[in-house]
Amino acid sequence: MQKFEADLSNAVWRRSASSGAAGAAAVEVALLDAGVAVRDARDPEGDVLFFTPAEWDAFVGGAKDGEFDL
């Protein structure tokens, strides 16, 4: 696994409006020049996952197609 580091100081983090009140279990997403960053909304100082545009597109496409439905 390649370690990716990015300056997140100006990142605009977003979460779904359907995620509920602050403190609820949710993830936040920030669009970056190099891809997409994802973090736990309850731990904004914690670890951040980075995805290339191709990886993010594959994830979103899978979600839309029901690939992750339980």
PDB file of N, CA and C in Angstrom:
ATOM      1  N   MET A   1       0.843  -1.168   0.000  1.00  0.00           N
ATOM      2  CA  MET A   1       0.000   0.000   0.000  1.00  0.00           C
ATOM      3  C   MET A   1       0.892   1.236   0.000  1.00  0.00           C
ATOM      4  N   GLN A   2       0.581   2.180  -0.866  1.00  0.00           N
ATOM      5  CA  GLN A   2       1.350   3.401  -0.966  1.00  0.00           C
ATOM      6  C   GLN A   2       0.803   4.438   0.010  1.00  0.00           C
ATOM      7  N   LYS A   3       1.700   5.083   0.728  1.00  0.00           N
ATOM      8  CA  LYS A   3       1.297   6.135   1.663  1.00  0.00           C
ATOM      9  C   LYS A   3       1.099   7.418   0.867  1.00  0.00           C
ATOM     10  N   PHE A   4      -0.042   8.046   1.056  1.00  0.00           N
ATOM     11  CA  PHE A   4      -0.365   9.278   0.350  1.00  0.00           C
ATOM     12  C   PHE A   4      -0.542  10.372   1.383  1.00  0.00           C
ATOM     13  N   GLU A   5       0.101  11.482   1.163  1.00  0.00           N
ATOM     14  CA  GLU A   5      -0.049  12.608   2.078  1.00  0.00           C
ATOM     15  C   GLU A   5      -0.540  13.807   1.287  1.00  0.00           C
ATOM     16  N   ALA A   6      -1.453  14.545   1.865  1.00  0.00           N
ATOM     17  CA  ALA A   6      -2.001  15.719   1.206  1.00  0.00           C
ATOM     18  C   ALA A   6      -2.207  16.810   2.248  1.00  0.00           C
ATOM     19  N   ASP A   7      -2.145  18.032   1.787  1.00  0.00           N
ATOM     20  CA  ASP A   7      -2.444  19.167   2.653  1.00  0.00           C
ATOM     21  C   ASP A   7      -3.963  19.280   2.744  1.00  0.00           C
ATOM     22  N   LEU A   8      -4.496  18.980   3.913  1.00  0.00           N
ATOM     23  CA  LEU A   8      -5.950  19.009   4.103  1.00  0.00           C
ATOM     24  C   LEU A   8      -6.416  20.267   4.830  1.00  0.00           C
ATOM     25  N   SER A   9      -5.514  21.224   5.015  1.00  0.00           N
ATOM     26  CA  SER A   9      -5.853  22.421   5.793  1.00  0.00           C
ATOM     27  C   SER A   9      -6.975  23.235   5.154  1.00  0.00           C
ATOM     28  N   ASN A  10      -7.108  23.182   3.837  1.00  0.00           N
ATOM     29  CA  ASN A  10      -8.170  23.919   3.150  1.00  0.00           C
ATOM     30  C   ASN A  10      -9.254  23.009   2.593  1.00  0.00           C
ATOM     31  N   ALA A  11      -9.232  21.752   2.993  1.00  0.00           N
ATOM     32  CA  ALA A  11     -10.231  20.803   2.492  1.00  0.00           C
ATOM     33  C   ALA A  11     -11.621  21.205   2.970  1.00  0.00           C
ATOM     34  N   VAL A  12     -12.579  21.061   2.095  1.00  0.00           N
ATOM     35  CA  VAL A  12     -13.985  21.311   2.438  1.00  0.00           C
ATOM     36  C   VAL A  12     -14.630  19.954   2.638  1.00  0.00           C
ATOM     37  N   TRP A  13     -14.916  19.624   3.894  1.00  0.00           N
ATOM     38  CA  TRP A  13     -15.484  18.319   4.231  1.00  0.00           C
ATOM     39  C   TRP A  13     -16.994  18.388   4.155  1.00  0.00           C
ATOM     40  N   ARG A  14     -17.583  17.367   3.550  1.00  0.00           N
ATOM     41  CA  ARG A  14     -19.040  17.292   3.401  1.00  0.00           C
ATOM     42  C   ARG A  14     -19.535  15.947   3.907  1.00  0.00           C
ATOM     43  N   ARG A  15     -20.769  15.970   4.401  1.00  0.00           N
ATOM     44  CA  ARG A  15     -21.420  14.711   4.772  1.00  0.00           C
ATOM     45  C   ARG A  15     -22.861  14.757   4.315  1.00  0.00           C
ATOM     46  N   SER A  16     -23.444  13.619   4.182  1.00  0.00           N
ATOM     47  CA  SER A  16     -24.819  13.526   3.726  1.00  0.00           C
ATOM     48  C   SER A  16     -25.759  14.232   4.698  1.00  0.00           C
ATOM     49  N   ALA A  17     -26.724  14.946   4.159  1.00  0.00           N
ATOM     50  CA  ALA A  17     -27.734  15.591   4.994  1.00  0.00           C
ATOM     51  C   ALA A  17     -28.551  14.554   5.749  1.00  0.00           C
ATOM     52  N   SER A  18     -28.601  13.334   5.240  1.00  0.00           N
ATOM     53  CA  SER A  18     -29.375  12.276   5.891  1.00  0.00           C
ATOM     54  C   SER A  18     -28.599  11.583   7.003  1.00  0.00           C
ATOM     55  N   SER A  19     -27.371  12.060   7.282  1.00  0.00           N
ATOM     56  CA  SER A  19     -26.567  11.412   8.321  1.00  0.00           C
ATOM     57  C   SER A  19     -27.017  11.777   9.732  1.00  0.00           C
ATOM     58  N   GLY A  20     -27.911  12.735   9.855  1.00  0.00           N
ATOM     59  CA  GLY A  20     -28.464  13.060  11.166  1.00  0.00           C
ATOM     60  C   GLY A  20     -27.675  14.120  11.905  1.00  0.00           C
ATOM     61  N   ALA A  21     -27.872  14.145  13.204  1.00  0.00           N
ATOM     62  CA  ALA A  21     -27.283  15.172  14.065  1.00  0.00           C
ATOM     63  C   ALA A  21     -25.771  15.025  14.174  1.00  0.00           C
ATOM     64  N   ALA A  22     -25.140  16.113  14.580  1.00  0.00           N
ATOM     65  CA  ALA A  22     -23.695  16.077  14.816  1.00  0.00           C
ATOM     66  C   ALA A  22     -23.396  15.009  15.856  1.00  0.00           C
ATOM     67  N   GLY A  23     -22.330  14.291  15.665  1.00  0.00           N
ATOM     68  CA  GLY A  23     -21.966  13.215  16.578  1.00  0.00           C
ATOM     69  C   GLY A  23     -22.505  11.857  16.164  1.00  0.00           C
ATOM     70  N   ALA A  24     -23.409  11.857  15.184  1.00  0.00           N
ATOM     71  CA  ALA A  24     -23.948  10.590  14.695  1.00  0.00           C
ATOM     72  C   ALA A  24     -22.886   9.888  13.843  1.00  0.00           C
ATOM     73  N   ALA A  25     -23.021   8.588  13.710  1.00  0.00           N
ATOM     74  CA  ALA A  25     -22.092   7.819  12.876  1.00  0.00           C
ATOM     75  C   ALA A  25     -22.217   8.291  11.430  1.00  0.00           C
ATOM     76  N   ALA A  26     -21.127   8.794  10.888  1.00  0.00           N
ATOM     77  CA  ALA A  26     -21.126   9.285   9.515  1.00  0.00           C
ATOM     78  C   ALA A  26     -19.693   9.392   9.029  1.00  0.00           C
ATOM     79  N   VAL A  27     -19.548   9.449   7.740  1.00  0.00           N
ATOM     80  CA  VAL A  27     -18.243   9.748   7.152  1.00  0.00           C
ATOM     81  C   VAL A  27     -18.345  11.112   6.473  1.00  0.00           C
ATOM     82  N   GLU A  28     -17.196  11.757   6.358  1.00  0.00           N
ATOM     83  CA  GLU A  28     -17.111  13.021   5.645  1.00  0.00           C
ATOM     84  C   GLU A  28     -16.186  12.830   4.451  1.00  0.00           C
ATOM     85  N   VAL A  29     -16.488  13.534   3.365  1.00  0.00           N
ATOM     86  CA  VAL A  29     -15.754  13.402   2.119  1.00  0.00           C
ATOM     87  C   VAL A  29     -15.258  14.774   1.689  1.00  0.00           C
ATOM     88  N   ALA A  30     -14.017  14.829   1.214  1.00  0.00           N
ATOM     89  CA  ALA A  30     -13.461  16.065   0.664  1.00  0.00           C
ATOM     90  C   ALA A  30     -12.896  15.760  -0.719  1.00  0.00           C
ATOM     91  N   LEU A  31     -13.258  16.578  -1.697  1.00  0.00           N
ATOM     92  CA  LEU A  31     -12.725  16.429  -3.043  1.00  0.00           C
ATOM     93  C   LEU A  31     -11.383  17.143  -3.108  1.00  0.00           C
ATOM     94  N   LEU A  32     -10.367  16.455  -3.598  1.00  0.00           N
ATOM     95  CA  LEU A  32      -9.020  16.994  -3.721  1.00  0.00           C
ATOM     96  C   LEU A  32      -8.601  16.970  -5.180  1.00  0.00           C
ATOM     97  N   ASP A  33      -7.547  17.705  -5.507  1.00  0.00           N
ATOM     98  CA  ASP A  33      -7.034  17.671  -6.882  1.00  0.00           C
ATOM     99  C   ASP A  33      -6.618  16.261  -7.276  1.00  0.00           C
ATOM    100  N   ALA A  34      -6.044  15.514  -6.322  1.00  0.00           N
ATOM    101  CA  ALA A  34      -5.517  14.179  -6.614  1.00  0.00           C
ATOM    102  C   ALA A  34      -6.529  13.061  -6.379  1.00  0.00           C
ATOM    103  N   GLY A  35      -7.731  13.376  -5.939  1.00  0.00           N
ATOM    104  CA  GLY A  35      -8.715  12.332  -5.672  1.00  0.00           C
ATOM    105  C   GLY A  35      -9.705  12.741  -4.604  1.00  0.00           C
ATOM    106  N   VAL A  36     -10.013  11.804  -3.720  1.00  0.00           N
ATOM    107  CA  VAL A  36     -11.027  12.012  -2.693  1.00  0.00           C
ATOM    108  C   VAL A  36     -10.476  11.550  -1.350  1.00  0.00           C
ATOM    109  N   ALA A  37     -10.735  12.347  -0.310  1.00  0.00           N
ATOM    110  CA  ALA A  37     -10.353  11.985   1.048  1.00  0.00           C
ATOM    111  C   ALA A  37     -11.622  11.665   1.832  1.00  0.00           C
ATOM    112  N   VAL A  38     -11.537  10.658   2.703  1.00  0.00           N
ATOM    113  CA  VAL A  38     -12.686  10.231   3.512  1.00  0.00           C
ATOM    114  C   VAL A  38     -12.216  10.077   4.947  1.00  0.00           C
ATOM    115  N   ARG A  39     -13.031  10.576   5.893  1.00  0.00           N
ATOM    116  CA  ARG A  39     -12.692  10.453   7.312  1.00  0.00           C
ATOM    117  C   ARG A  39     -13.950  10.188   8.134  1.00  0.00           C
ATOM    118  N   ASP A  40     -13.736   9.743   9.366  1.00  0.00           N
ATOM    119  CA  ASP A  40     -14.816   9.509  10.326  1.00  0.00           C
ATOM    120  C   ASP A  40     -15.246  10.859  10.884  1.00  0.00           C
ATOM    121  N   ALA A  41     -16.505  11.210  10.739  1.00  0.00           N
ATOM    122  CA  ALA A  41     -17.003  12.501  11.209  1.00  0.00           C
ATOM    123  C   ALA A  41     -16.862  12.659  12.719  1.00  0.00           C
ATOM    124  N   ARG A  42     -16.882  11.559  13.455  1.00  0.00           N
ATOM    125  CA  ARG A  42     -16.745  11.646  14.919  1.00  0.00           C
ATOM    126  C   ARG A  42     -15.298  11.792  15.359  1.00  0.00           C
ATOM    127  N   ASP A  43     -14.353  11.597  14.435  1.00  0.00           N
ATOM    128  CA  ASP A  43     -12.931  11.691  14.764  1.00  0.00           C
ATOM    129  C   ASP A  43     -12.207  12.460  13.658  1.00  0.00           C
ATOM    130  N   PRO A  44     -12.501  13.760  13.502  1.00  0.00           N
ATOM    131  CA  PRO A  44     -11.935  14.517  12.388  1.00  0.00           C
ATOM    132  C   PRO A  44     -10.415  14.658  12.426  1.00  0.00           C
ATOM    133  N   GLU A  45      -9.805  14.421  13.568  1.00  0.00           N
ATOM    134  CA  GLU A  45      -8.347  14.477  13.668  1.00  0.00           C
ATOM    135  C   GLU A  45      -7.710  13.097  13.460  1.00  0.00           C
ATOM    136  N   GLY A  46      -8.528  12.089  13.242  1.00  0.00           N
ATOM    137  CA  GLY A  46      -8.050  10.719  13.082  1.00  0.00           C
ATOM    138  C   GLY A  46      -7.543  10.448  11.677  1.00  0.00           C
ATOM    139  N   ASP A  47      -7.439   9.180  11.356  1.00  0.00           N
ATOM    140  CA  ASP A  47      -6.928   8.753  10.061  1.00  0.00           C
ATOM    141  C   ASP A  47      -7.841   9.187   8.923  1.00  0.00           C
ATOM    142  N   VAL A  48      -7.232   9.404   7.767  1.00  0.00           N
ATOM    143  CA  VAL A  48      -7.950   9.788   6.552  1.00  0.00           C
ATOM    144  C   VAL A  48      -7.612   8.768   5.470  1.00  0.00           C
ATOM    145  N   LEU A  49      -8.618   8.320   4.758  1.00  0.00           N
ATOM    146  CA  LEU A  49      -8.423   7.428   3.623  1.00  0.00           C
ATOM    147  C   LEU A  49      -8.413   8.253   2.346  1.00  0.00           C
ATOM    148  N   PHE A  50      -7.513   7.920   1.419  1.00  0.00           N
ATOM    149  CA  PHE A  50      -7.419   8.624   0.151  1.00  0.00           C
ATOM    150  C   PHE A  50      -7.719   7.661  -0.987  1.00  0.00           C
ATOM    151  N   PHE A  51      -8.488   8.134  -1.962  1.00  0.00           N
ATOM    152  CA  PHE A  51      -8.861   7.337  -3.117  1.00  0.00           C
ATOM    153  C   PHE A  51      -8.558   8.114  -4.390  1.00  0.00           C
ATOM    154  N   THR A  52      -8.037   7.422  -5.390  1.00  0.00           N
ATOM    155  CA  THR A  52      -7.831   8.044  -6.689  1.00  0.00           C
ATOM    156  C   THR A  52      -9.214   8.288  -7.312  1.00  0.00           C
ATOM    157  N   PRO A  53      -9.274   9.156  -8.321  1.00  0.00           N
ATOM    158  CA  PRO A  53     -10.570   9.349  -8.991  1.00  0.00           C
ATOM    159  C   PRO A  53     -11.155   8.040  -9.529  1.00  0.00           C
ATOM    160  N   ALA A  54     -10.318   7.162 -10.080  1.00  0.00           N
ATOM    161  CA  ALA A  54     -10.817   5.883 -10.612  1.00  0.00           C
ATOM    162  C   ALA A  54     -11.364   5.000  -9.491  1.00  0.00           C
ATOM    163  N   GLU A  55     -10.674   4.952  -8.360  1.00  0.00           N
ATOM    164  CA  GLU A  55     -11.159   4.151  -7.229  1.00  0.00           C
ATOM    165  C   GLU A  55     -12.486   4.699  -6.715  1.00  0.00           C
ATOM    166  N   TRP A  56     -12.585   6.016  -6.604  1.00  0.00           N
ATOM    167  CA  TRP A  56     -13.817   6.632  -6.099  1.00  0.00           C
ATOM    168  C   TRP A  56     -14.972   6.386  -7.064  1.00  0.00           C
ATOM    169  N   ASP A  57     -14.709   6.532  -8.361  1.00  0.00           N
ATOM    170  CA  ASP A  57     -15.758   6.282  -9.363  1.00  0.00           C
ATOM    171  C   ASP A  57     -16.245   4.834  -9.293  1.00  0.00           C
ATOM    172  N   ALA A  58     -15.322   3.893  -9.093  1.00  0.00           N
ATOM    173  CA  ALA A  58     -15.707   2.485  -8.980  1.00  0.00           C
ATOM    174  C   ALA A  58     -16.561   2.259  -7.736  1.00  0.00           C
ATOM    175  N   PHE A  59     -16.208   2.890  -6.629  1.00  0.00           N
ATOM    176  CA  PHE A  59     -16.988   2.756  -5.393  1.00  0.00           C
ATOM    177  C   PHE A  59     -18.392   3.331  -5.575  1.00  0.00           C
ATOM    178  N   VAL A  60     -18.475   4.559  -6.089  1.00  0.00           N
ATOM    179  CA  VAL A  60     -19.784   5.195  -6.269  1.00  0.00           C
ATOM    180  C   VAL A  60     -20.638   4.389  -7.248  1.00  0.00           C
ATOM    181  N   GLY A  61     -20.028   3.922  -8.324  1.00  0.00           N
ATOM    182  CA  GLY A  61     -20.768   3.099  -9.279  1.00  0.00           C
ATOM    183  C   GLY A  61     -21.284   1.818  -8.651  1.00  0.00           C
ATOM    184  N   GLY A  62     -20.471   1.173  -7.830  1.00  0.00           N
ATOM    185  CA  GLY A  62     -20.903  -0.040  -7.138  1.00  0.00           C
ATOM    186  C   GLY A  62     -22.043   0.233  -6.177  1.00  0.00           C
ATOM    187  N   ALA A  63     -21.962   1.366  -5.466  1.00  0.00           N
ATOM    188  CA  ALA A  63     -23.037   1.720  -4.542  1.00  0.00           C
ATOM    189  C   ALA A  63     -24.338   1.964  -5.284  1.00  0.00           C
ATOM    190  N   LYS A  64     -24.257   2.676  -6.395  1.00  0.00           N
ATOM    191  CA  LYS A  64     -25.469   2.959  -7.196  1.00  0.00           C
ATOM    192  C   LYS A  64     -26.062   1.687  -7.773  1.00  0.00           C
ATOM    193  N   ASP A  65     -25.210   0.710  -8.091  1.00  0.00           N
ATOM    194  CA  ASP A  65     -25.684  -0.547  -8.670  1.00  0.00           C
ATOM    195  C   ASP A  65     -26.139  -1.562  -7.622  1.00  0.00           C
ATOM    196  N   GLY A  66     -26.057  -1.195  -6.323  1.00  0.00           N
ATOM    197  CA  GLY A  66     -26.501  -2.095  -5.273  1.00  0.00           C
ATOM    198  C   GLY A  66     -25.483  -3.131  -4.877  1.00  0.00           C
ATOM    199  N   GLU A  67     -24.235  -2.959  -5.289  1.00  0.00           N
ATOM    200  CA  GLU A  67     -23.186  -3.944  -5.024  1.00  0.00           C
ATOM    201  C   GLU A  67     -22.958  -4.167  -3.522  1.00  0.00           C
ATOM    202  N   PHE A  68     -23.267  -3.167  -2.707  1.00  0.00           N
ATOM    203  CA  PHE A  68     -22.982  -3.261  -1.272  1.00  0.00           C
ATOM    204  C   PHE A  68     -24.231  -3.466  -0.430  1.00  0.00           C
ATOM    205  N   ASP A  69     -25.380  -3.666  -1.079  1.00  0.00           N
ATOM    206  CA  ASP A  69     -26.626  -3.888  -0.326  1.00  0.00           C
ATOM    207  C   ASP A  69     -26.521  -5.175   0.475  1.00  0.00           C
ATOM    208  N   LEU A  70     -27.038  -5.133   1.666  1.00  0.00           N
ATOM    209  CA  LEU A  70     -27.013  -6.315   2.536  1.00  0.00           C
ATOM    210  C   LEU A  70     -28.250  -7.162   2.333  1.00  0.00           C
TER     211      LEU A  70
END
